[in-house]
Amino acid sequence: MATSVKISISLPDCTLREVEERRAASRETRSDYFRRAVEALLREERERYDLARTVAGYAAQPETEPELAWGALGGSALAASEW
């Protein structure tokens, strides 16, 4: 397990009140609540970054007509099969 480091943050009173209400309802410690929130934010930012890189890659090098045809054929085959 990674080493934990204590930090200090400042929040507006209304934000802390809402955090405390939600945290108490979920029976989490304050540290667990904020860790989970930060991990979710980091994951969301990574996903946005990855998507932006994918879009930029396709903009720089679009799919060719044969690649698009293969994609359509694969989609048709999947749609026709029973899951």
Protein backbone atom coordinates (compact mmCIF):
# COMPACT_ATOMS: atom_id res chain seq x y z
CA MET A 1 0.00 0.00 0.00
CA ALA A 2 1.22 3.52 -0.80
CA THR A 3 2.33 5.78 2.00
CA SER A 4 -0.30 8.28 3.09
CA VAL A 5 0.57 11.93 3.61
CA LYS A 6 -1.48 14.37 5.64
CA ILE A 7 -2.50 17.60 3.95
CA SER A 8 -4.55 20.60 4.92
CA ILE A 9 -7.19 22.20 2.69
CA SER A 10 -9.48 25.19 3.04
CA LEU A 11 -13.14 24.93 2.06
CA PRO A 12 -16.07 27.31 2.26
CA ASP A 13 -18.33 26.51 5.23
CA CYS A 14 -21.24 25.54 3.00
CA THR A 15 -19.07 23.08 1.05
CA LEU A 16 -17.76 21.46 4.21
CA ARG A 17 -21.30 21.17 5.61
CA GLU A 18 -22.44 19.36 2.47
CA VAL A 19 -19.39 17.08 2.55
CA GLU A 20 -20.02 16.26 6.21
CA GLU A 21 -23.68 15.43 5.53
CA ARG A 22 -22.83 13.11 2.65
CA ARG A 23 -19.87 11.58 4.42
CA ALA A 24 -21.89 10.87 7.55
CA ALA A 25 -24.68 9.31 5.48
CA SER A 26 -22.19 6.98 3.81
CA ARG A 27 -20.42 6.29 7.12
CA GLU A 28 -17.04 7.12 5.61
CA THR A 29 -14.17 8.83 7.32
CA ARG A 30 -13.38 12.31 6.09
CA SER A 31 -10.08 11.01 4.67
CA ASP A 32 -11.83 8.20 2.77
CA TYR A 33 -14.45 10.58 1.40
CA PHE A 34 -11.88 13.05 0.07
CA ARG A 35 -9.59 10.28 -1.22
CA ARG A 36 -12.48 8.78 -3.16
CA ALA A 37 -13.47 12.20 -4.52
CA VAL A 38 -9.92 13.02 -5.63
CA GLU A 39 -9.47 9.59 -7.23
CA ALA A 40 -12.73 10.04 -9.15
CA LEU A 41 -11.66 13.49 -10.36
CA LEU A 42 -8.25 12.22 -11.46
CA ARG A 43 -9.84 9.28 -13.30
CA GLU A 44 -12.28 11.63 -15.04
CA GLU A 45 -9.44 13.96 -16.08
CA ARG A 46 -7.40 11.02 -17.43
CA GLU A 47 -10.39 9.81 -19.45
CA ARG A 48 -10.95 13.32 -20.90
CA TYR A 49 -7.25 13.58 -21.77
CA ASP A 50 -7.27 10.16 -23.44
CA LEU A 51 -10.40 11.02 -25.42
CA ALA A 52 -8.89 14.35 -26.55
CA ARG A 53 -5.74 12.53 -27.71
CA THR A 54 -7.83 9.97 -29.61
CA VAL A 55 -9.87 12.68 -31.32
CA ALA A 56 -6.71 14.62 -32.21
CA GLY A 57 -5.15 11.45 -33.59
CA TYR A 58 -8.13 10.73 -35.84
CA ALA A 59 -8.22 14.38 -36.92
CA ALA A 60 -4.54 14.22 -37.85
CA GLN A 61 -4.85 10.83 -39.56
CA PRO A 62 -8.47 10.06 -40.47
CA GLU A 63 -9.62 6.54 -41.20
CA THR A 64 -9.33 5.48 -44.82
CA GLU A 65 -12.30 4.35 -46.91
CA PRO A 66 -11.27 0.66 -46.60
CA GLU A 67 -10.98 0.99 -42.81
CA LEU A 68 -14.43 2.56 -42.64
CA ALA A 69 -15.83 -0.26 -44.79
CA TRP A 70 -14.32 -2.91 -42.50
CA GLY A 71 -15.76 -1.13 -39.47
CA ALA A 72 -19.23 -1.08 -41.02
CA LEU A 73 -18.95 -4.75 -41.95
CA GLY A 74 -17.91 -5.65 -38.39
CA GLY A 75 -20.79 -3.64 -36.94
CA SER A 76 -23.25 -5.41 -39.24
CA ALA A 77 -21.90 -8.81 -38.22
CA LEU A 78 -22.23 -7.96 -34.54
CA ALA A 79 -25.74 -6.61 -35.00
CA ALA A 80 -26.80 -9.82 -36.76
CA SER A 81 -25.49 -12.13 -34.06
CA GLU A 82 -27.38 -13.12 -30.92
CA TRP A 83 -25.74 -12.16 -27.67
